[in-house]
PDB file of N, CA and C in Angstrom:
ATOM      1  N   UNK A   1     -91.565  73.037-117.489  1.00  0.00           N
ATOM      2  CA  UNK A   1     -91.680  72.675-118.889  1.00  0.00           C
ATOM      3  C   UNK A   1     -90.341  72.881-119.571  1.00  0.00           C
ATOM      4  N   UNK A   2     -89.903  71.859-120.278  1.00  0.00           N
ATOM      5  CA  UNK A   2     -88.595  71.949-120.910  1.00  0.00           C
ATOM      6  C   UNK A   2     -88.608  72.779-122.186  1.00  0.00           C
ATOM      7  N   UNK A   3     -89.749  72.900-122.837  1.00  0.00           N
ATOM      8  CA  UNK A   3     -89.860  73.696-124.070  1.00  0.00           C
ATOM      9  C   UNK A   3     -91.147  74.510-123.991  1.00  0.00           C
ATOM     10  N   UNK A   4     -91.169  75.556-123.167  1.00  0.00           N
ATOM     11  CA  UNK A   4     -92.419  76.258-122.874  1.00  0.00           C
ATOM     12  C   UNK A   4     -93.090  76.941-124.059  1.00  0.00           C
ATOM     13  N   UNK A   5     -92.373  77.253-125.117  1.00  0.00           N
ATOM     14  CA  UNK A   5     -92.988  77.921-126.262  1.00  0.00           C
ATOM     15  C   UNK A   5     -93.244  76.976-127.430  1.00  0.00           C
ATOM     16  N   UNK A   6     -92.895  75.721-127.285  1.00  0.00           N
ATOM     17  CA  UNK A   6     -93.120  74.737-128.340  1.00  0.00           C
ATOM     18  C   UNK A   6     -94.540  74.196-128.251  1.00  0.00           C
ATOM     19  N   UNK A   7     -95.069  73.786-129.380  1.00  0.00           N
ATOM     20  CA  UNK A   7     -96.386  73.173-129.427  1.00  0.00           C
ATOM     21  C   UNK A   7     -96.267  71.699-129.074  1.00  0.00           C
ATOM     22  N   UNK A   8     -97.295  71.171-128.434  1.00  0.00           N
ATOM     23  CA  UNK A   8     -97.304  69.765-128.083  1.00  0.00           C
ATOM     24  C   UNK A   8     -98.730  69.241-128.072  1.00  0.00           C
ATOM     25  N   UNK A   9     -98.851  67.952-128.312  1.00  0.00           N
ATOM     26  CA  UNK A   9    -100.147  67.316-128.196  1.00  0.00           C
ATOM     27  C   UNK A   9    -100.473  67.194-126.706  1.00  0.00           C
ATOM     28  N   UNK A  10    -101.755  67.285-126.327  1.00  0.00           N
ATOM     29  CA  UNK A  10    -102.096  67.188-124.905  1.00  0.00           C
ATOM     30  C   UNK A  10    -101.810  65.796-124.359  1.00  0.00           C
ATOM     31  N   UNK A  11    -101.519  65.736-123.087  1.00  0.00           N
ATOM     32  CA  UNK A  11    -101.255  64.467-122.421  1.00  0.00           C
ATOM     33  C   UNK A  11    -100.276  64.658-121.296  1.00  0.00           C
ATOM     34  N   UNK A  12     -99.836  63.570-120.730  1.00  0.00           N
ATOM     35  CA  UNK A  12     -98.894  63.659-119.621  1.00  0.00           C
ATOM     36  C   UNK A  12     -98.486  62.292-119.140  1.00  0.00           C
ATOM     37  N   UNK A  13     -97.900  62.268-117.977  1.00  0.00           N
ATOM     38  CA  UNK A  13     -97.354  61.028-117.426  1.00  0.00           C
ATOM     39  C   UNK A  13     -98.458  60.054-117.035  1.00  0.00           C
ATOM     40  N   UNK A  14     -98.154  58.784-117.243  1.00  0.00           N
ATOM     41  CA  UNK A  14     -99.048  57.705-116.838  1.00  0.00           C
ATOM     42  C   UNK A  14     -98.733  57.374-115.387  1.00  0.00           C
ATOM     43  N   UNK A  15     -99.752  57.433-114.530  1.00  0.00           N
ATOM     44  CA  UNK A  15     -99.571  57.131-113.108  1.00  0.00           C
ATOM     45  C   UNK A  15     -99.450  55.617-112.911  1.00  0.00           C
ATOM     46  N   UNK A  16     -98.800  55.201-111.831  1.00  0.00           N
ATOM     47  CA  UNK A  16     -98.695  53.762-111.552  1.00  0.00           C
ATOM     48  C   UNK A  16    -100.079  53.117-111.529  1.00  0.00           C
ATOM     49  N   UNK A  17    -100.221  51.985-112.233  1.00  0.00           N
ATOM     50  CA  UNK A  17    -101.481  51.259-112.286  1.00  0.00           C
ATOM     51  C   UNK A  17    -102.498  51.830-113.268  1.00  0.00           C
ATOM     52  N   UNK A  18    -102.139  52.864-114.002  1.00  0.00           N
ATOM     53  CA  UNK A  18    -103.048  53.535-114.928  1.00  0.00           C
ATOM     54  C   UNK A  18    -102.697  53.125-116.362  1.00  0.00           C
ATOM     55  N   UNK A  19    -103.700  52.877-117.177  1.00  0.00           N
ATOM     56  CA  UNK A  19    -103.434  52.572-118.585  1.00  0.00           C
ATOM     57  C   UNK A  19    -103.105  53.876-119.316  1.00  0.00           C
ATOM     58  N   UNK A  20    -102.388  53.800-120.432  1.00  0.00           N
ATOM     59  CA  UNK A  20    -102.109  55.017-121.200  1.00  0.00           C
ATOM     60  C   UNK A  20    -103.385  55.732-121.650  1.00  0.00           C
ATOM     61  N   UNK A  21    -104.405  54.964-122.008  1.00  0.00           N
ATOM     62  CA  UNK A  21    -105.667  55.572-122.438  1.00  0.00           C
ATOM     63  C   UNK A  21    -106.353  56.307-121.286  1.00  0.00           C
ATOM     64  N   UNK A  22    -106.348  55.713-120.115  1.00  0.00           N
ATOM     65  CA  UNK A  22    -106.953  56.360-118.937  1.00  0.00           C
ATOM     66  C   UNK A  22    -106.157  57.604-118.569  1.00  0.00           C
ATOM     67  N   UNK A  23    -104.837  57.528-118.662  1.00  0.00           N
ATOM     68  CA  UNK A  23    -103.998  58.690-118.372  1.00  0.00           C
ATOM     69  C   UNK A  23    -104.315  59.836-119.320  1.00  0.00           C
ATOM     70  N   UNK A  24    -104.500  59.528-120.607  1.00  0.00           N
ATOM     71  CA  UNK A  24    -104.825  60.583-121.567  1.00  0.00           C
ATOM     72  C   UNK A  24    -106.178  61.199-121.260  1.00  0.00           C
ATOM     73  N   UNK A  25    -107.173  60.392-120.950  1.00  0.00           N
ATOM     74  CA  UNK A  25    -108.486  60.935-120.595  1.00  0.00           C
ATOM     75  C   UNK A  25    -108.380  61.845-119.378  1.00  0.00           C
ATOM     76  N   UNK A  26    -107.618  61.432-118.380  1.00  0.00           N
ATOM     77  CA  UNK A  26    -107.419  62.262-117.178  1.00  0.00           C
ATOM     78  C   UNK A  26    -106.716  63.562-117.524  1.00  0.00           C
ATOM     79  N   UNK A  27    -105.663  63.478-118.317  1.00  0.00           N
ATOM     80  CA  UNK A  27    -104.903  64.666-118.690  1.00  0.00           C
ATOM     81  C   UNK A  27    -105.747  65.636-119.527  1.00  0.00           C
ATOM     82  N   UNK A  28    -106.591  65.121-120.411  1.00  0.00           N
ATOM     83  CA  UNK A  28    -107.466  65.999-121.191  1.00  0.00           C
ATOM     84  C   UNK A  28    -108.449  66.731-120.281  1.00  0.00           C
ATOM     85  N   UNK A  29    -108.936  66.050-119.265  1.00  0.00           N
ATOM     86  CA  UNK A  29    -109.818  66.701-118.298  1.00  0.00           C
ATOM     87  C   UNK A  29    -109.065  67.777-117.520  1.00  0.00           C
ATOM     88  N   UNK A  30    -107.841  67.473-117.086  1.00  0.00           N
ATOM     89  CA  UNK A  30    -107.054  68.435-116.313  1.00  0.00           C
ATOM     90  C   UNK A  30    -106.575  69.609-117.160  1.00  0.00           C
ATOM     91  N   UNK A  31    -106.044  69.330-118.356  1.00  0.00           N
ATOM     92  CA  UNK A  31    -105.435  70.371-119.184  1.00  0.00           C
ATOM     93  C   UNK A  31    -106.439  71.191-119.980  1.00  0.00           C
ATOM     94  N   UNK A  32    -107.515  70.533-120.435  1.00  0.00           N
ATOM     95  CA  UNK A  32    -108.455  71.203-121.331  1.00  0.00           C
ATOM     96  C   UNK A  32    -109.872  71.326-120.782  1.00  0.00           C
ATOM     97  N   UNK A  33    -110.169  70.630-119.690  1.00  0.00           N
ATOM     98  CA  UNK A  33    -111.509  70.685-119.116  1.00  0.00           C
ATOM     99  C   UNK A  33    -112.549  69.934-119.925  1.00  0.00           C
ATOM    100  N   UNK A  34    -112.140  68.877-120.629  1.00  0.00           N
ATOM    101  CA  UNK A  34    -113.091  68.106-121.434  1.00  0.00           C
ATOM    102  C   UNK A  34    -113.084  66.636-121.022  1.00  0.00           C
ATOM    103  N   UNK A  35    -114.210  65.989-121.272  1.00  0.00           N
ATOM    104  CA  UNK A  35    -114.286  64.537-121.162  1.00  0.00           C
ATOM    105  C   UNK A  35    -114.117  64.000-122.566  1.00  0.00           C
ATOM    106  N   UNK A  36    -113.302  62.975-122.716  1.00  0.00           N
ATOM    107  CA  UNK A  36    -113.019  62.439-124.042  1.00  0.00           C
ATOM    108  C   UNK A  36    -113.044  60.921-124.032  1.00  0.00           C
ATOM    109  N   UNK A  37    -113.449  60.375-125.164  1.00  0.00           N
ATOM    110  CA  UNK A  37    -113.379  58.935-125.402  1.00  0.00           C
ATOM    111  C   UNK A  37    -112.080  58.696-126.172  1.00  0.00           C
ATOM    112  N   UNK A  38    -111.239  57.846-125.656  1.00  0.00           N
ATOM    113  CA  UNK A  38    -109.941  57.591-126.264  1.00  0.00           C
ATOM    114  C   UNK A  38    -110.067  56.423-127.237  1.00  0.00           C
ATOM    115  N   UNK A  39    -109.573  56.634-128.437  1.00  0.00           N
ATOM    116  CA  UNK A  39    -109.668  55.635-129.491  1.00  0.00           C
ATOM    117  C   UNK A  39    -108.354  54.930-129.747  1.00  0.00           C
ATOM    118  N   UNK A  40    -108.126  54.602-131.006  1.00  0.00           N
ATOM    119  CA  UNK A  40    -106.967  53.788-131.356  1.00  0.00           C
ATOM    120  C   UNK A  40    -105.652  54.560-131.276  1.00  0.00           C
ATOM    121  N   UNK A  41    -104.593  53.817-131.061  1.00  0.00           N
ATOM    122  CA  UNK A  41    -103.232  54.343-130.988  1.00  0.00           C
ATOM    123  C   UNK A  41    -102.786  54.720-132.386  1.00  0.00           C
ATOM    124  N   UNK A  42    -102.237  55.928-132.550  1.00  0.00           N
ATOM    125  CA  UNK A  42    -101.749  56.384-133.855  1.00  0.00           C
ATOM    126  C   UNK A  42    -100.263  56.123-134.011  1.00  0.00           C
ATOM    127  N   UNK A  43     -99.500  56.356-132.968  1.00  0.00           N
ATOM    128  CA  UNK A  43     -98.061  56.157-133.068  1.00  0.00           C
ATOM    129  C   UNK A  43     -97.323  56.738-131.882  1.00  0.00           C
ATOM    130  N   UNK A  44     -95.995  56.776-132.004  1.00  0.00           N
ATOM    131  CA  UNK A  44     -95.144  57.185-130.884  1.00  0.00           C
ATOM    132  C   UNK A  44     -94.079  58.161-131.356  1.00  0.00           C
ATOM    133  N   UNK A  45     -93.841  59.177-130.529  1.00  0.00           N
ATOM    134  CA  UNK A  45     -92.702  60.067-130.662  1.00  0.00           C
ATOM    135  C   UNK A  45     -91.808  59.822-129.459  1.00  0.00           C
ATOM    136  N   UNK A  46     -90.496  59.934-129.650  1.00  0.00           N
ATOM    137  CA  UNK A  46     -89.593  59.569-128.557  1.00  0.00           C
ATOM    138  C   UNK A  46     -88.329  60.418-128.591  1.00  0.00           C
ATOM    139  N   UNK A  47     -87.886  60.822-127.402  1.00  0.00           N
ATOM    140  CA  UNK A  47     -86.581  61.456-127.237  1.00  0.00           C
ATOM    141  C   UNK A  47     -85.848  60.657-126.168  1.00  0.00           C
ATOM    142  N   UNK A  48     -84.674  61.126-125.777  1.00  0.00           N
ATOM    143  CA  UNK A  48     -83.924  60.435-124.737  1.00  0.00           C
ATOM    144  C   UNK A  48     -84.687  60.397-123.406  1.00  0.00           C
ATOM    145  N   UNK A  49     -85.535  61.395-123.158  1.00  0.00           N
ATOM    146  CA  UNK A  49     -86.205  61.469-121.862  1.00  0.00           C
ATOM    147  C   UNK A  49     -87.734  61.421-121.924  1.00  0.00           C
ATOM    148  N   UNK A  50     -88.315  61.398-123.121  1.00  0.00           N
ATOM    149  CA  UNK A  50     -89.773  61.437-123.251  1.00  0.00           C
ATOM    150  C   UNK A  50     -90.234  60.374-124.245  1.00  0.00           C
ATOM    151  N   UNK A  51     -91.292  59.648-123.862  1.00  0.00           N
ATOM    152  CA  UNK A  51     -91.982  58.743-124.772  1.00  0.00           C
ATOM    153  C   UNK A  51     -93.403  59.270-124.894  1.00  0.00           C
ATOM    154  N   UNK A  52     -93.809  59.579-126.117  1.00  0.00           N
ATOM    155  CA  UNK A  52     -95.120  60.173-126.370  1.00  0.00           C
ATOM    156  C   UNK A  52     -95.939  59.231-127.233  1.00  0.00           C
ATOM    157  N   UNK A  53     -96.964  58.614-126.644  1.00  0.00           N
ATOM    158  CA  UNK A  53     -97.898  57.793-127.411  1.00  0.00           C
ATOM    159  C   UNK A  53     -99.100  58.659-127.757  1.00  0.00           C
ATOM    160  N   UNK A  54     -99.503  58.634-129.026  1.00  0.00           N
ATOM    161  CA  UNK A  54    -100.593  59.485-129.509  1.00  0.00           C
ATOM    162  C   UNK A  54    -101.773  58.603-129.904  1.00  0.00           C
ATOM    163  N   UNK A  55    -102.949  58.983-129.440  1.00  0.00           N
ATOM    164  CA  UNK A  55    -104.192  58.253-129.688  1.00  0.00           C
ATOM    165  C   UNK A  55    -105.211  59.179-130.332  1.00  0.00           C
ATOM    166  N   UNK A  56    -106.131  58.600-131.075  1.00  0.00           N
ATOM    167  CA  UNK A  56    -107.307  59.355-131.495  1.00  0.00           C
ATOM    168  C   UNK A  56    -108.130  59.612-130.240  1.00  0.00           C
ATOM    169  N   UNK A  57    -108.793  60.742-130.199  1.00  0.00           N
ATOM    170  CA  UNK A  57    -109.673  61.052-129.073  1.00  0.00           C
ATOM    171  C   UNK A  57    -110.871  61.821-129.592  1.00  0.00           C
ATOM    172  N   UNK A  58    -112.017  61.551-129.006  1.00  0.00           N
ATOM    173  CA  UNK A  58    -113.252  62.240-129.370  1.00  0.00           C
ATOM    174  C   UNK A  58    -113.776  62.980-128.145  1.00  0.00           C
ATOM    175  N   UNK A  59    -113.989  64.271-128.300  1.00  0.00           N
ATOM    176  CA  UNK A  59    -114.561  65.062-127.199  1.00  0.00           C
ATOM    177  C   UNK A  59    -116.003  64.634-126.993  1.00  0.00           C
ATOM    178  N   UNK A  60    -116.329  64.259-125.755  1.00  0.00           N
ATOM    179  CA  UNK A  60    -117.667  63.805-125.407  1.00  0.00           C
ATOM    180  C   UNK A  60    -118.438  64.922-124.708  1.00  0.00           C
ATOM    181  N   UNK A  61    -117.736  65.705-123.894  1.00  0.00           N
ATOM    182  CA  UNK A  61    -118.395  66.761-123.133  1.00  0.00           C
ATOM    183  C   UNK A  61    -117.381  67.839-122.770  1.00  0.00           C
ATOM    184  N   UNK A  62    -117.863  69.060-122.640  1.00  0.00           N
ATOM    185  CA  UNK A  62    -117.022  70.172-122.221  1.00  0.00           C
ATOM    186  C   UNK A  62    -116.557  71.009-123.392  1.00  0.00           C
ATOM    187  N   UNK A  63    -116.144  72.210-123.062  1.00  0.00           N
ATOM    188  CA  UNK A  63    -115.601  73.144-124.047  1.00  0.00           C
ATOM    189  C   UNK A  63    -114.113  73.302-123.746  1.00  0.00           C
ATOM    190  N   UNK A  64    -113.241  72.984-124.700  1.00  0.00           N
ATOM    191  CA  UNK A  64    -111.797  73.075-124.427  1.00  0.00           C
ATOM    192  C   UNK A  64    -111.371  74.475-124.022  1.00  0.00           C
ATOM    193  N   UNK A  65    -110.575  74.543-122.981  1.00  0.00           N
ATOM    194  CA  UNK A  65    -109.999  75.815-122.532  1.00  0.00           C
ATOM    195  C   UNK A  65    -108.538  75.575-122.151  1.00  0.00           C
ATOM    196  N   UNK A  66    -107.725  76.584-122.352  1.00  0.00           N
ATOM    197  CA  UNK A  66    -106.293  76.479-122.051  1.00  0.00           C
ATOM    198  C   UNK A  66    -106.077  76.652-120.554  1.00  0.00           C
ATOM    199  N   UNK A  67    -106.055  75.561-119.816  1.00  0.00           N
ATOM    200  CA  UNK A  67    -105.866  75.615-118.364  1.00  0.00           C
ATOM    201  C   UNK A  67    -104.392  75.604-117.967  1.00  0.00           C
ATOM    202  N   UNK A  68    -103.551  74.975-118.776  1.00  0.00           N
ATOM    203  CA  UNK A  68    -102.131  74.847-118.428  1.00  0.00           C
ATOM    204  C   UNK A  68    -101.210  75.376-119.510  1.00  0.00           C
ATOM    205  N   UNK A  69    -101.763  75.862-120.602  1.00  0.00           N
ATOM    206  CA  UNK A  69    -100.952  76.304-121.732  1.00  0.00           C
ATOM    207  C   UNK A  69    -101.393  77.696-122.170  1.00  0.00           C
ATOM    208  N   UNK A  70    -100.548  78.373-122.911  1.00  0.00           N
ATOM    209  CA  UNK A  70    -100.824  79.738-123.336  1.00  0.00           C
ATOM    210  C   UNK A  70    -101.891  79.812-124.417  1.00  0.00           C
ATOM    211  N   UNK A  71    -102.002  78.775-125.253  1.00  0.00           N
ATOM    212  CA  UNK A  71    -102.906  78.845-126.396  1.00  0.00           C
ATOM    213  C   UNK A  71    -103.317  77.449-126.841  1.00  0.00           C
ATOM    214  N   UNK A  72    -104.521  77.351-127.379  1.00  0.00           N
ATOM    215  CA  UNK A  72    -105.010  76.117-127.996  1.00  0.00           C
ATOM    216  C   UNK A  72    -105.323  76.412-129.451  1.00  0.00           C
ATOM    217  N   UNK A  73    -105.159  75.415-130.294  1.00  0.00           N
ATOM    218  CA  UNK A  73    -105.556  75.546-131.695  1.00  0.00           C
ATOM    219  C   UNK A  73    -106.114  74.219-132.182  1.00  0.00           C
ATOM    220  N   UNK A  74    -107.171  74.293-132.993  1.00  0.00           N
ATOM    221  CA  UNK A  74    -107.674  73.149-133.728  1.00  0.00           C
ATOM    222  C   UNK A  74    -107.156  73.335-135.137  1.00  0.00           C
ATOM    223  N   UNK A  75    -106.409  72.381-135.629  1.00  0.00           N
ATOM    224  CA  UNK A  75    -105.761  72.516-136.924  1.00  0.00           C
ATOM    225  C   UNK A  75    -106.148  71.387-137.867  1.00  0.00           C
ATOM    226  N   UNK A  76    -106.130  71.719-139.150  1.00  0.00           N
ATOM    227  CA  UNK A  76    -106.319  70.701-140.170  1.00  0.00           C
ATOM    228  C   UNK A  76    -105.002  70.026-140.479  1.00  0.00           C
ATOM    229  N   UNK A  77    -105.041  68.936-141.235  1.00  0.00           N
ATOM    230  CA  UNK A  77    -103.822  68.182-141.514  1.00  0.00           C
ATOM    231  C   UNK A  77    -102.744  68.989-142.232  1.00  0.00           C
ATOM    232  N   UNK A  78    -103.137  69.926-143.074  1.00  0.00           N
ATOM    233  CA  UNK A  78    -102.160  70.731-143.815  1.00  0.00           C
ATOM    234  C   UNK A  78    -101.513  71.819-142.968  1.00  0.00           C
ATOM    235  N   UNK A  79    -102.073  72.103-141.804  1.00  0.00           N
ATOM    236  CA  UNK A  79    -101.567  73.177-140.950  1.00  0.00           C
ATOM    237  C   UNK A  79    -100.594  72.698-139.874  1.00  0.00           C
ATOM    238  N   UNK A  80    -100.596  71.408-139.570  1.00  0.00           N
ATOM    239  CA  UNK A  80     -99.783  70.896-138.467  1.00  0.00           C
ATOM    240  C   UNK A  80     -98.294  71.168-138.645  1.00  0.00           C
ATOM    241  N   UNK A  81     -97.806  71.071-139.846  1.00  0.00           N
ATOM    242  CA  UNK A  81     -96.367  71.246-140.083  1.00  0.00           C
ATOM    243  C   UNK A  81     -95.913  72.695-139.937  1.00  0.00           C
ATOM    244  N   UNK A  82     -96.840  73.631-139.804  1.00  0.00           N
ATOM    245  CA  UNK A  82     -96.500  75.049-139.681  1.00  0.00           C
ATOM    246  C   UNK A  82     -96.060  75.443-138.274  1.00  0.00           C
ATOM    247  N   UNK A  83     -96.283  74.579-137.290  1.00  0.00           N
ATOM    248  CA  UNK A  83     -95.985  74.915-135.897  1.00  0.00           C
ATOM    249  C   UNK A  83     -94.591  74.447-135.488  1.00  0.00           C
ATOM    250  N   UNK A  84     -94.035  75.103-134.489  1.00  0.00           N
ATOM    251  CA  UNK A  84     -92.757  74.700-133.891  1.00  0.00           C
ATOM    252  C   UNK A  84     -93.076  73.698-132.775  1.00  0.00           C
ATOM    253  N   UNK A  85     -92.942  72.407-133.083  1.00  0.00           N
ATOM    254  CA  UNK A  85     -93.329  71.335-132.170  1.00  0.00           C
ATOM    255  C   UNK A  85     -92.221  71.007-131.175  1.00  0.00           C
ATOM    256  N   UNK A  86     -92.634  70.537-129.994  1.00  0.00           N
ATOM    257  CA  UNK A  86     -91.689  70.008-129.012  1.00  0.00           C
ATOM    258  C   UNK A  86     -90.988  68.797-129.622  1.00  0.00           C
ATOM    259  N   UNK A  87     -89.775  68.534-129.205  1.00  0.00           N
ATOM    260  CA  UNK A  87     -88.941  67.492-129.801  1.00  0.00           C
ATOM    261  C   UNK A  87     -89.626  66.123-129.856  1.00  0.00           C
ATOM    262  N   UNK A  88     -90.296  65.719-128.786  1.00  0.00           N
ATOM    263  CA  UNK A  88     -90.943  64.401-128.759  1.00  0.00           C
ATOM    264  C   UNK A  88     -92.145  64.326-129.691  1.00  0.00           C
ATOM    265  N   UNK A  89     -92.753  65.454-129.983  1.00  0.00           N
ATOM    266  CA  UNK A  89     -93.937  65.485-130.842  1.00  0.00           C
ATOM    267  C   UNK A  89     -93.586  65.438-132.332  1.00  0.00           C
ATOM    268  N   UNK A  90     -92.412  65.931-132.690  1.00  0.00           N
ATOM    269  CA  UNK A  90     -92.018  66.040-134.105  1.00  0.00           C
ATOM    270  C   UNK A  90     -92.176  64.725-134.865  1.00  0.00           C
ATOM    271  N   UNK A  91     -91.701  63.577-134.346  1.00  0.00           N
ATOM    272  CA  UNK A  91     -91.784  62.342-135.129  1.00  0.00           C
ATOM    273  C   UNK A  91     -93.207  61.866-135.426  1.00  0.00           C
ATOM    274  N   UNK A  92     -94.192  62.322-134.678  1.00  0.00           N
ATOM    275  CA  UNK A  92     -95.553  61.818-134.840  1.00  0.00           C
ATOM    276  C   UNK A  92     -96.454  62.779-135.616  1.00  0.00           C
ATOM    277  N   UNK A  93     -96.011  63.993-135.872  1.00  0.00           N
ATOM    278  CA  UNK A  93     -96.850  64.994-136.551  1.00  0.00           C
ATOM    279  C   UNK A  93     -97.318  64.506-137.915  1.00  0.00           C
ATOM    280  N   UNK A  94     -96.463  63.908-138.707  1.00  0.00           N
ATOM    281  CA  UNK A  94     -96.857  63.440-140.037  1.00  0.00           C
ATOM    282  C   UNK A  94     -97.916  62.334-139.950  1.00  0.00           C
ATOM    283  N   UNK A  95     -97.799  61.439-138.985  1.00  0.00           N
ATOM    284  CA  UNK A  95     -98.791  60.365-138.823  1.00  0.00           C
ATOM    285  C   UNK A  95    -100.137  60.950-138.410  1.00  0.00           C
ATOM    286  N   UNK A  96    -100.134  61.953-137.533  1.00  0.00           N
ATOM    287  CA  UNK A  96    -101.381  62.602-137.133  1.00  0.00           C
ATOM    288  C   UNK A  96    -102.017  63.316-138.334  1.00  0.00           C
ATOM    289  N   UNK A  97    -101.189  64.023-139.103  1.00  0.00           N
ATOM    290  CA  UNK A  97    -101.702  64.715-140.291  1.00  0.00           C
ATOM    291  C   UNK A  97    -102.307  63.721-141.281  1.00  0.00           C
ATOM    292  N   UNK A  98    -101.651  62.594-141.500  1.00  0.00           N
ATOM    293  CA  UNK A  98    -102.179  61.574-142.401  1.00  0.00           C
ATOM    294  C   UNK A  98    -103.513  61.042-141.915  1.00  0.00           C
ATOM    295  N   UNK A  99    -103.580  60.800-140.620  1.00  0.00           N
ATOM    296  CA  UNK A  99    -104.823  60.271-140.041  1.00  0.00           C
ATOM    297  C   UNK A  99    -105.956  61.281-140.175  1.00  0.00           C
ATOM    298  N   UNK A 100    -105.678  62.550-139.910  1.00  0.00           N
ATOM    299  CA  UNK A 100    -106.693  63.594-140.052  1.00  0.00           C
ATOM    300  C   UNK A 100    -107.143  63.723-141.511  1.00  0.00           C
ATOM    301  N   UNK A 101    -106.206  63.656-142.430  1.00  0.00           N
ATOM    302  CA  UNK A 101    -106.527  63.762-143.858  1.00  0.00           C
ATOM    303  C   UNK A 101    -107.411  62.592-144.312  1.00  0.00           C
ATOM    304  N   UNK A 102    -107.241  61.441-143.665  1.00  0.00           N
ATOM    305  CA  UNK A 102    -108.030  60.262-144.014  1.00  0.00           C
ATOM    306  C   UNK A 102    -109.389  60.254-143.330  1.00  0.00           C
ATOM    307  N   UNK A 103    -109.673  61.304-142.556  1.00  0.00           N
ATOM    308  CA  UNK A 103    -110.965  61.380-141.884  1.00  0.00           C
ATOM    309  C   UNK A 103    -110.963  60.899-140.461  1.00  0.00           C
ATOM    310  N   UNK A 104    -109.790  60.700-139.884  1.00  0.00           N
ATOM    311  CA  UNK A 104    -109.689  60.225-138.501  1.00  0.00           C
ATOM    312  C   UNK A 104    -109.813  61.343-137.565  1.00  0.00           C
TER     313      UNK A 104
END
């Protein structure tokens, strides 16, 4: 991990032949132990080496647990800006907060 103490949205690399939505569902199962329905695309964060596409997701089954990370948090839109985000996540935090505030 390039920024082990930074906060990041869950997800990971898209495997060859895999859609971004399928990759996110797989990563949520691996990282958090949940089954999720992936919804609409919210936006993108990008650095020189990382492209982060963010989607709405709805937990369908399972209880989230930190399988690969030190801590999990469920946050409201006003709380997102309080965290030290990974570089690729920073550009998308405001869009996620707006979407959450709008009821997404």
